[in-house]
Protein backbone atom coordinates (compact mmCIF):
# COMPACT_ATOMS: atom_id res chain seq x y z
CA MET A 1 -44.43 -97.10 19.38
CA LEU A 2 -44.81 -99.39 22.32
CA ASP A 3 -44.97 -99.29 25.33
CA ASP A 4 -42.48 -100.12 27.50
CA ALA A 5 -44.32 -100.02 31.31
CA PRO A 6 -44.94 -103.57 33.50
CA TYR A 7 -47.22 -105.75 33.36
CA VAL A 8 -49.72 -106.11 36.13
CA PRO A 9 -51.54 -108.94 36.88
CA GLY A 10 -56.00 -107.90 36.96
CA GLN A 11 -55.17 -104.92 35.13
CA GLY A 12 -54.86 -105.48 31.18
CA PRO A 13 -51.44 -103.47 29.56
CA THR A 14 -51.41 -99.80 28.52
CA GLY A 15 -52.16 -99.71 24.68
CA PRO A 16 -49.21 -97.73 23.38
CA THR A 17 -49.82 -94.50 22.86
CA GLY A 18 -50.66 -93.20 19.78
CA PRO A 19 -48.42 -90.78 17.96
CA SER A 20 -48.54 -87.25 19.29
CA GLY A 21 -47.41 -84.85 16.54
CA THR A 22 -47.23 -82.05 14.48
CA GLY A 23 -47.68 -83.13 10.53
CA PRO A 24 -45.15 -81.65 8.59
CA THR A 25 -44.98 -77.89 7.69
CA GLY A 26 -46.09 -77.33 4.74
CA ALA A 27 -43.37 -75.49 2.71
CA THR A 28 -43.20 -71.55 2.97
CA GLY A 29 -44.23 -70.65 -0.56
CA ALA A 30 -41.39 -68.40 -2.65
CA THR A 31 -40.89 -65.07 -1.38
CA ILE A 32 -40.67 -62.48 -4.85
CA THR A 33 -40.03 -59.62 -4.96
CA GLY A 34 -40.47 -58.56 -8.42
CA PRO A 35 -38.49 -56.43 -10.53
CA THR A 36 -37.69 -52.49 -9.21
CA GLY A 37 -38.52 -50.51 -11.60
CA ALA A 38 -35.69 -48.29 -13.57
CA GLN A 39 -35.38 -45.42 -11.40
CA GLY A 40 -36.69 -41.92 -12.51
CA ALA A 41 -33.48 -40.31 -13.99
CA THR A 42 -33.01 -36.70 -11.67
CA VAL A 43 -32.45 -34.31 -13.72
CA THR A 44 -31.42 -30.81 -11.27
CA GLY A 45 -32.56 -27.48 -13.77
CA PRO A 46 -32.26 -23.99 -12.63
CA THR A 47 -34.33 -23.23 -9.65
CA GLY A 48 -37.38 -21.91 -10.14
CA SER A 49 -39.77 -20.69 -7.46
CA THR A 50 -41.22 -22.69 -5.15
CA GLY A 51 -44.83 -23.74 -6.50
CA PRO A 52 -47.68 -25.25 -4.51
CA THR A 53 -47.27 -28.01 -2.95
CA GLY A 54 -49.21 -30.97 -4.38
CA ALA A 55 -52.54 -32.69 -3.02
CA GLN A 56 -51.20 -35.60 -0.57
CA GLY A 57 -51.96 -38.57 -2.40
CA ALA A 58 -55.39 -40.35 -0.38
CA THR A 59 -53.66 -43.28 1.73
CA VAL A 60 -56.35 -46.53 1.23
CA THR A 61 -55.73 -49.00 3.50
CA GLY A 62 -57.34 -52.22 1.87
CA PRO A 63 -60.27 -53.46 4.11
CA THR A 64 -58.56 -56.50 6.74
CA GLY A 65 -59.61 -59.95 6.19
CA PRO A 66 -61.71 -61.79 9.03
CA GLN A 67 -60.76 -63.18 11.77
CA GLY A 68 -59.33 -66.74 11.12
CA ALA A 69 -61.80 -69.01 13.58
CA THR A 70 -58.69 -70.72 16.05
CA VAL A 71 -59.61 -74.32 15.11
CA THR A 72 -56.93 -76.85 16.73
CA GLY A 73 -56.65 -78.56 13.60
CA PRO A 74 -54.56 -77.50 10.59
CA THR A 75 -53.13 -74.76 10.20
CA GLY A 76 -54.84 -72.91 6.91
CA ALA A 77 -52.75 -71.31 4.21
CA GLN A 78 -51.59 -68.31 4.42
CA GLY A 79 -52.73 -65.41 2.46
CA ALA A 80 -50.55 -64.21 0.21
CA THR A 81 -48.89 -60.45 1.64
CA VAL A 82 -49.09 -58.13 -1.60
CA THR A 83 -48.32 -54.52 -1.47
CA GLY A 84 -49.65 -52.51 -4.10
CA PRO A 85 -47.61 -50.16 -6.24
CA THR A 86 -46.71 -46.95 -5.55
CA GLY A 87 -47.88 -44.54 -6.79
CA SER A 88 -45.93 -41.53 -8.69
CA THR A 89 -45.33 -38.53 -5.58
CA GLY A 90 -46.75 -35.76 -6.16
CA PRO A 91 -45.44 -32.14 -7.72
CA THR A 92 -43.13 -30.25 -5.66
CA GLY A 93 -43.44 -26.57 -6.92
CA ALA A 94 -40.88 -25.55 -9.13
CA GLN A 95 -37.20 -25.73 -7.37
CA GLY A 96 -35.00 -25.94 -9.55
CA ALA A 97 -36.92 -28.79 -10.44
CA THR A 98 -35.67 -32.14 -8.84
CA VAL A 99 -37.55 -34.85 -11.36
CA THR A 100 -37.51 -38.42 -9.52
CA GLY A 101 -39.07 -40.48 -11.70
CA PRO A 102 -41.59 -42.86 -10.98
CA THR A 103 -40.91 -45.93 -8.77
CA GLY A 104 -41.39 -49.18 -10.62
CA PRO A 105 -44.48 -51.52 -9.28
CA GLN A 106 -43.01 -53.77 -6.01
CA GLY A 107 -42.77 -56.87 -6.80
CA ALA A 108 -45.58 -58.76 -4.81
CA THR A 109 -44.43 -61.18 -2.22
CA VAL A 110 -46.00 -64.57 -2.44
CA THR A 111 -45.29 -66.55 0.65
CA GLY A 112 -46.42 -70.26 -0.04
CA PRO A 113 -49.59 -71.41 1.93
CA THR A 114 -47.94 -73.78 5.23
CA GLY A 115 -48.63 -76.56 5.22
CA PRO A 116 -51.78 -78.34 7.31
CA SER A 117 -50.60 -77.99 10.59
CA GLY A 118 -52.03 -81.38 12.70
CA THR A 119 -51.76 -82.91 15.92
CA GLY A 120 -52.93 -86.51 16.32
CA PRO A 121 -55.14 -87.70 19.13
CA THR A 122 -53.94 -88.00 22.29
CA GLY A 123 -54.06 -91.63 23.76
CA PRO A 124 -54.85 -92.36 26.80
CA THR A 125 -52.60 -91.07 30.20
CA GLY A 126 -50.45 -92.88 31.00
CA VAL A 127 -46.54 -93.06 32.10
CA GLN A 128 -44.85 -90.35 30.24
CA GLY A 129 -44.70 -91.23 26.37
CA ALA A 130 -41.22 -90.01 25.15
CA THR A 131 -41.22 -86.78 24.18
CA VAL A 132 -39.91 -87.12 20.29
CA THR A 133 -38.99 -84.07 18.14
CA GLY A 134 -39.23 -84.97 14.36
CA PRO A 135 -37.00 -84.08 11.93
CA THR A 136 -36.59 -80.82 10.72
CA GLY A 137 -37.37 -80.15 7.34
CA ALA A 138 -34.41 -78.95 5.30
CA GLN A 139 -33.84 -75.24 4.84
CA GLY A 140 -35.07 -73.53 1.90
CA ALA A 141 -32.68 -72.03 -0.24
CA THR A 142 -32.21 -68.51 0.04
CA VAL A 143 -31.85 -66.78 -3.27
CA THR A 144 -31.25 -63.44 -4.05
CA GLY A 145 -31.51 -62.50 -7.57
CA PRO A 146 -28.95 -60.24 -9.08
CA THR A 147 -28.94 -56.90 -8.81
CA GLY A 148 -29.25 -54.62 -11.98
CA PRO A 149 -26.59 -52.03 -12.85
CA GLN A 150 -26.71 -48.98 -10.92
CA GLY A 151 -28.58 -46.06 -13.38
CA ALA A 152 -26.53 -42.69 -13.65
CA THR A 153 -28.20 -40.11 -11.32
CA VAL A 154 -30.17 -37.11 -13.65
CA THR A 155 -31.21 -34.75 -12.12
CA GLY A 156 -33.80 -32.64 -13.37
CA PRO A 157 -37.36 -30.97 -12.67
CA THR A 158 -39.37 -31.93 -9.93
CA GLY A 159 -42.39 -33.85 -11.46
CA PRO A 160 -45.66 -33.28 -9.70
CA GLN A 161 -45.81 -35.12 -6.59
CA GLY A 162 -47.21 -38.59 -6.95
CA ALA A 163 -50.31 -39.33 -4.51
CA THR A 164 -49.63 -42.06 -2.35
CA VAL A 165 -51.31 -44.90 -2.45
CA THR A 166 -51.67 -48.04 -0.87
CA GLY A 167 -53.02 -51.24 -1.79
CA PRO A 168 -55.45 -52.79 0.24
CA THR A 169 -54.45 -55.71 2.43
CA GLY A 170 -55.04 -58.92 1.39
CA PRO A 171 -57.26 -60.73 3.75
CA GLN A 172 -55.36 -62.53 6.34
CA GLY A 173 -55.08 -66.32 6.14
CA ALA A 174 -57.82 -68.22 9.10
CA THR A 175 -55.09 -69.85 11.37
CA VAL A 176 -55.71 -73.27 12.64
CA THR A 177 -54.61 -75.00 15.58
CA GLY A 178 -55.75 -78.73 15.84
CA PRO A 179 -57.04 -80.29 18.28
CA THR A 180 -55.16 -80.51 21.89
CA GLY A 181 -54.98 -83.52 23.36
CA PRO A 182 -56.80 -84.05 26.89
CA GLN A 183 -54.75 -81.91 29.52
CA GLY A 184 -53.38 -84.37 32.06
CA ALA A 185 -55.63 -83.95 35.51
CA THR A 186 -54.94 -81.37 37.90
CA VAL A 187 -55.18 -82.73 41.14
CA THR A 188 -54.99 -79.89 43.67
CA GLY A 189 -54.41 -81.11 46.92
CA PRO A 190 -57.12 -80.51 49.84
CA THR A 191 -56.25 -76.86 51.31
CA GLY A 192 -55.03 -76.74 54.78
CA PRO A 193 -56.42 -74.91 57.53
CA SER A 194 -55.70 -71.37 58.13
CA GLY A 195 -53.37 -70.85 55.01
CA THR A 196 -53.16 -72.82 51.92
CA GLY A 197 -52.54 -76.03 51.41
CA PRO A 198 -50.23 -78.12 49.63
CA THR A 199 -50.99 -77.83 45.81
CA GLY A 200 -51.62 -81.97 44.88
CA PRO A 201 -49.47 -83.33 41.91
CA THR A 202 -49.78 -82.37 38.53
CA GLY A 203 -51.01 -84.75 36.03
CA VAL A 204 -48.42 -86.30 33.72
CA GLN A 205 -47.87 -83.70 30.73
CA GLY A 206 -48.70 -85.41 27.48
CA ALA A 207 -46.28 -85.35 25.52
CA THR A 208 -45.16 -83.25 22.69
CA VAL A 209 -45.07 -84.36 19.67
CA THR A 210 -43.44 -81.43 17.04
CA GLY A 211 -43.65 -82.45 13.34
CA PRO A 212 -40.90 -81.45 11.11
CA THR A 213 -40.52 -77.87 9.92
CA GLY A 214 -41.62 -77.47 6.44
CA ALA A 215 -38.70 -76.19 4.09
CA GLN A 216 -38.88 -72.47 3.98
CA GLY A 217 -39.48 -71.38 0.58
CA ALA A 218 -36.74 -69.45 -1.47
CA THR A 219 -36.17 -65.54 -1.42
CA VAL A 220 -35.78 -63.71 -4.23
CA THR A 221 -34.86 -60.49 -4.78
CA GLY A 222 -36.21 -59.41 -8.77
CA PRO A 223 -33.05 -57.18 -9.96
CA THR A 224 -33.25 -53.25 -9.60
CA GLY A 225 -33.52 -51.44 -12.47
CA SER A 226 -31.24 -48.62 -13.75
CA THR A 227 -30.69 -45.55 -12.35
CA GLY A 228 -31.44 -42.69 -15.13
CA PRO A 229 -28.73 -40.43 -16.08
CA THR A 230 -27.52 -36.92 -14.17
CA GLY A 231 -29.03 -34.25 -16.14
CA ALA A 232 -25.97 -31.63 -16.77
CA GLN A 233 -25.77 -28.64 -14.42
CA GLY A 234 -27.65 -25.54 -15.20
CA ALA A 235 -25.05 -22.98 -16.28
CA THR A 236 -24.48 -19.94 -13.69
CA VAL A 237 -24.75 -17.02 -15.68
CA THR A 238 -22.90 -13.70 -13.90
CA GLY A 239 -23.38 -10.67 -15.83
CA PRO A 240 -20.56 -8.17 -16.27
CA THR A 241 -20.19 -5.34 -13.73
CA GLY A 242 -21.25 -1.80 -14.93
CA PRO A 243 -18.78 0.85 -14.51
CA GLN A 244 -17.73 2.78 -11.27
CA GLY A 245 -19.53 5.93 -11.23
CA ALA A 246 -17.76 8.84 -10.93
CA THR A 247 -17.32 10.55 -7.27
CA VAL A 248 -18.49 14.34 -8.48
CA THR A 249 -18.28 16.77 -4.97
CA GLY A 250 -20.07 20.33 -5.46
CA PRO A 251 -18.18 23.69 -5.07
CA THR A 252 -18.31 24.66 -1.71
CA GLY A 253 -21.26 27.15 -0.76
CA PRO A 254 -19.78 30.84 0.13
CA THR A 255 -18.78 31.43 3.88
CA GLY A 256 -21.64 32.75 6.06
CA ALA A 257 -21.79 35.90 7.03
CA THR A 258 -20.51 36.89 10.31
CA VAL A 259 -23.13 37.71 12.82
CA GLY A 260 -23.24 39.78 15.70
CA ASP A 261 -21.05 42.38 16.51
CA THR A 262 -17.72 42.67 17.10
CA GLY A 263 -17.12 42.70 21.22
CA PRO A 264 -15.02 46.08 22.25
CA THR A 265 -10.51 46.13 22.30
CA GLY A 266 -9.41 44.27 25.81
CA ALA A 267 -7.54 46.77 27.25
CA THR A 268 -3.98 46.80 27.08
CA GLY A 269 -2.39 45.40 29.51
CA SER A 270 0.75 46.23 31.71
CA THR A 271 4.34 47.10 29.60
CA GLY A 272 6.44 44.05 31.41
CA PRO A 273 9.77 45.15 32.49
CA THR A 274 12.69 46.30 30.18
CA GLY A 275 14.87 44.16 29.03
CA PRO A 276 18.54 44.02 29.45
CA THR A 277 20.67 46.54 27.43
CA TYR A 278 21.50 44.98 23.81
CA SER A 279 25.53 44.76 23.34
CA ILE A 280 27.32 44.57 20.60
CA TRP A 281 31.04 43.38 22.21
CA THR A 282 30.76 40.01 23.83
CA GLN A 283 33.46 40.16 27.04
CA GLU A 284 37.00 37.18 26.46
CA THR A 285 38.84 36.73 29.74
CA ASN A 286 40.83 33.86 28.23
CA PHE A 287 43.89 35.73 28.18
CA THR A 288 46.96 36.50 30.18
CA ALA A 289 46.33 40.88 31.51
CA THR A 290 50.58 41.50 30.26
CA PRO A 291 50.99 41.17 26.53
CA ALA A 292 53.26 39.15 24.55
CA SER A 293 53.86 42.51 22.72
CA THR A 294 52.32 45.66 21.60
CA SER A 295 49.98 43.55 19.73
CA THR A 296 49.97 40.12 20.91
CA LEU A 297 47.99 38.93 23.57
CA THR A 298 48.29 35.21 25.26
CA MET A 299 45.37 33.25 25.45
CA THR A 300 45.42 30.88 28.21
CA SER A 301 42.01 29.13 26.14
CA ASP A 302 41.84 28.06 22.91
CA VAL A 303 39.08 30.33 21.41
CA THR A 304 39.69 30.27 17.83
CA GLY A 305 35.53 29.15 17.55
CA THR A 306 34.24 32.11 18.48
CA ILE A 307 37.17 35.09 17.76
CA LYS A 308 37.87 35.49 14.08
CA VAL A 309 40.45 37.23 11.83
CA GLY A 310 38.18 40.44 11.02
CA MET A 311 36.58 41.05 13.77
CA GLY A 312 37.05 43.89 16.19
CA LEU A 313 38.40 44.51 19.29
CA LYS A 314 38.38 46.98 22.73
CA TYR A 315 40.87 46.55 24.93
CA THR A 316 41.60 48.60 28.51
CA ILE A 317 44.88 49.52 29.76
CA GLY A 318 44.80 51.77 32.48
CA GLY A 319 41.46 52.37 32.54
CA THR A 320 41.94 53.64 29.10
CA VAL A 321 39.95 51.63 26.09
CA TYR A 322 41.73 51.09 23.06
CA TYR A 323 40.24 50.12 19.60
CA GLY A 324 41.93 47.51 17.36
CA VAL A 325 41.20 44.85 14.77
CA VAL A 326 42.10 40.77 14.77
CA THR A 327 44.96 40.15 12.16
CA ALA A 328 45.80 36.46 13.57
CA ILE A 329 44.11 34.01 15.83
CA THR A 330 45.65 30.51 16.80
CA SER A 331 44.60 28.55 20.88
CA ASN A 332 47.23 30.40 22.22
CA LEU A 333 48.29 34.04 20.57
CA LEU A 334 45.81 37.04 19.57
CA THR A 335 47.37 39.10 17.57
CA LEU A 336 45.90 42.45 15.99
CA ALA A 337 46.35 46.07 14.42
CA GLY A 338 45.07 49.09 15.71
CA ALA A 339 46.22 50.91 19.13
CA PRO A 340 49.38 49.61 20.49
CA ILE A 341 49.03 46.81 23.89
CA GLY A 342 50.99 49.97 26.30
CA GLY A 343 50.41 47.73 29.18
CA ASP A 344 48.85 45.32 30.94
CA VAL A 345 45.32 44.65 30.04
CA THR A 346 42.91 44.84 32.63
CA ALA A 347 39.66 44.01 30.06
CA LEU A 348 39.17 42.76 26.62
CA TYR A 349 35.84 42.53 24.52
CA TRP A 350 35.60 41.70 20.62
CA CYS A 351 32.71 42.28 18.51
CA PRO A 352 31.58 40.45 15.58
CA ALA A 353 32.86 41.66 11.73
CA HIS A 354 29.51 43.62 10.35
CA HIS A 355 31.06 46.41 13.15
CA VAL A 356 33.98 46.81 11.09
CA ARG A 357 33.78 49.38 8.09
CA GLN A 358 36.44 48.98 5.24
CA LEU A 359 36.82 52.83 3.23
CA VAL A 360 39.28 52.33 -0.19
CA VAL A 361 40.37 55.02 -1.96
CA SER A 362 42.14 55.29 -4.84
CA VAL A 363 44.64 57.77 -6.61
CA PRO A 364 45.25 57.28 -10.69
CA GLY A 365 47.93 58.34 -12.61
CA LYS A 366 51.43 60.17 -10.89
CA PHE A 367 50.35 60.44 -7.58
CA ALA A 368 53.90 61.92 -5.92
CA ASP A 369 55.34 64.04 -8.32
CA ALA A 370 54.26 66.92 -5.30
CA ALA A 371 54.18 66.94 -1.44
CA ASN A 372 49.83 66.84 -0.72
CA THR A 373 47.93 66.51 2.23
CA THR A 374 44.88 66.29 0.60
CA LEU A 375 45.69 64.02 -2.40
CA LEU A 376 42.06 63.05 -2.39
CA LYS A 377 40.78 66.32 -3.38
CA THR A 378 43.60 67.58 -5.62
CA ASP A 379 44.33 64.31 -7.31
CA SER A 380 41.18 61.85 -7.42
CA LYS A 381 38.89 65.32 -7.02
CA LEU A 382 37.34 63.25 -4.19
CA SER A 383 36.12 64.49 -0.70
CA ILE A 384 35.23 61.93 1.73
CA ASP A 385 33.24 63.10 5.24
CA TRP A 386 32.48 60.34 8.08
CA ASP A 387 28.85 60.11 7.94
CA LEU A 388 28.19 57.21 10.95
CA GLY A 389 28.82 57.12 13.93
CA LYS A 390 32.08 57.82 15.82
CA ALA A 391 34.97 55.30 14.81
CA TYR A 392 38.38 54.61 15.08
CA LEU A 393 40.91 53.86 11.95
CA VAL A 394 42.80 51.14 13.47
CA ARG A 395 44.87 49.85 10.88
CA ILE A 396 46.21 51.55 6.76
CA ARG A 397 47.16 49.96 4.28
CA HIS A 398 48.34 50.89 0.38
CA ILE A 399 49.61 49.55 -2.38
CA VAL A 400 50.45 50.91 -6.30
CA VAL A 401 50.68 49.27 -9.80
CA THR A 402 54.11 50.80 -9.99
CA ASP A 403 57.30 51.90 -7.75
CA ASP A 404 59.04 54.70 -8.27
CA THR A 405 61.48 54.11 -10.79
CA GLY A 406 64.26 55.12 -8.28
CA ALA A 407 65.75 53.34 -5.14
CA ASN A 408 63.23 55.90 -3.02
CA GLN A 409 59.89 55.09 -2.57
CA PRO A 410 57.06 57.90 -1.99
CA LYS A 411 55.52 57.25 1.38
CA VAL A 412 51.76 57.10 2.09
CA ASN A 413 49.49 58.29 5.12
CA VAL A 414 45.83 58.73 5.60
CA SER A 415 44.92 62.09 8.22
CA VAL A 416 40.91 62.22 10.27
CA ASN A 417 39.93 65.50 10.31
CA GLY A 418 43.49 66.86 9.64
CA SER A 419 45.91 64.63 11.78
CA ALA A 420 48.15 62.21 10.58
CA VAL A 421 46.79 58.82 11.99
CA GLY A 422 50.27 56.90 10.76
CA THR A 423 52.69 57.14 12.78
CA SER A 424 55.69 55.68 10.82
CA ASN A 425 58.74 57.73 9.67
CA THR A 426 57.85 60.35 11.92
CA ASN A 427 53.99 60.92 11.17
CA ALA A 428 54.84 60.91 7.34
CA GLY A 429 53.56 57.03 6.48
CA LEU A 430 54.68 53.77 5.13
CA ALA A 431 56.67 53.84 1.68
CA VAL A 432 54.57 52.23 -1.09
CA ALA A 433 55.10 48.69 -2.82
CA GLU A 434 53.68 47.18 -5.17
CA THR A 435 52.49 45.06 -2.72
CA TRP A 436 50.51 45.45 0.02
CA THR A 437 51.92 47.56 3.04
CA SER A 438 50.01 47.45 6.53
CA THR A 439 50.58 49.24 9.82
CA VAL A 440 50.49 47.74 13.39
CA VAL A 441 50.58 49.59 16.12
CA ASP A 442 51.86 52.32 14.52
CA ILE A 443 48.65 54.63 14.79
CA ASN A 444 48.71 57.90 16.83
CA THR A 445 45.49 57.04 18.82
CA SER A 446 45.43 60.80 20.15
CA ASN A 447 44.25 61.31 16.30
CA TYR A 448 42.60 58.19 15.07
CA ASP A 449 38.69 58.54 16.53
CA ILE A 450 36.92 60.09 13.86
CA ASN A 451 33.21 61.90 14.54
CA ASN A 452 30.13 62.18 12.36
CA ASP A 453 30.25 64.97 9.39
CA GLU A 454 34.89 64.60 10.27
CA ALA A 455 37.05 64.48 6.31
CA VAL A 456 39.25 61.80 5.70
CA GLU A 457 42.42 62.56 3.40
CA VAL A 458 45.42 60.68 2.10
CA ILE A 459 49.32 62.56 2.67
CA THR A 460 52.22 61.70 0.64
CA ASP A 461 55.32 63.23 1.01
CA ALA A 462 57.49 62.92 -2.24
CA SER A 463 59.91 61.30 -1.02
CA GLY A 464 60.56 59.06 -4.13
CA SER A 465 63.35 59.25 -6.61
CA ASN A 466 61.97 59.86 -9.66
CA ASP A 467 58.42 60.72 -8.33
CA ASP A 468 57.22 58.57 -11.02
CA ALA A 469 55.16 55.79 -9.19
CA VAL A 470 51.50 55.82 -10.33
CA ASP A 471 47.95 54.58 -9.37
CA LEU A 472 48.23 53.69 -5.72
CA THR A 473 44.89 52.41 -3.63
CA VAL A 474 44.70 52.79 -0.04
CA SER A 475 42.97 50.79 2.55
CA MET A 476 41.10 51.89 5.55
CA THR A 477 39.69 49.54 8.26
CA PHE A 478 37.39 51.56 11.30
CA VAL A 479 35.56 49.98 13.96
CA LEU A 480 32.49 51.23 15.63
CA GLU A 481 32.03 52.36 18.44
């Protein structure tokens, strides 16, 4: 390039500045990665006990090449970077072993030599030369080799751990730097007093020329090897569970003997107060004192829930106590048989049916062919003495199988201790019938009580037309006092 500076008289023209440039960088050697060896099959088998860990492979670092001299001049070729193959992995003790096949050797990475980088001589410093940057070389193509098919993954036993070996590192290529052109003069002005004076002007910087960059070497990656198939998974087998053992309970041991003497019996406590005297009789107040008739009382409240047919009755009239039996009851009327109600009732009691007794006797055949006051003894050959406590005969009932064939029927009564109790027909009693005939209040209250060991008899008057009535049955109702 010509110098465009103006001509100065008396001074020759400054020669053209020699080109300042950096020689072209040589093409970068291709980076080639060798193909990756086939991936060892990964096989998972049964897990065994863990074996000893294999010895750690030695780590070997190759010698570092001598440091290249720093020379300003062309850069020496870059030494190739070579990585030795990776050694196999040593055994891990038997795992339900995992085996990884050896990795194929790593393809060498080769970098081509860098072309010499030179710097032309720097001409004398004059005016600042133009800065010229040479063209950049074309970028080398980047080529990636095809990736091989992915091998199947097989897990099998783990092989011994291979030693880890690192190949030696190749010598470092010398670094050569071309000669640097002379540095423009640095002028520093005088230092002023006390302090730092102004810095003088810096000489003109020589032009920096960078030569074109060589083409980038292609990067080639070899195909990846296939991965081996995955081994079959070992079967998991669980043995059958044994039968449940029987549960056996041993016999219970004998009861231990009682040890120690039995303490004395404690003193008898004092006798508690005497409770109220029990009475078989329950008082009833829900009635009207004046009787509705000699055999009925008007009730002022419904007592059918407590007083039932067949229960005994005790009632006071004019200070005298009389006895009877319930023959009917409604919500407002009580009907009885027994002592007649001959005046106002000042007290009324009832007792349960088990305090009432029934005595039944029979006289078979013709019984009224003659008057008789001891019919049981003569016709039935039967004697009855009262063996209970004091009681009251409150009702007499009788029936025959066959009436007298005439118009008139014989009459029947009962005596206690020789005295007639029924008052009907002037103490003769009621005439018999083929249905039950009953007294109501036709009872002689002077004769109706019976004490222990007193006799009971049946009486007939033989008043039938033909005296041929047969088969008499008599039922007597007594209420205990």
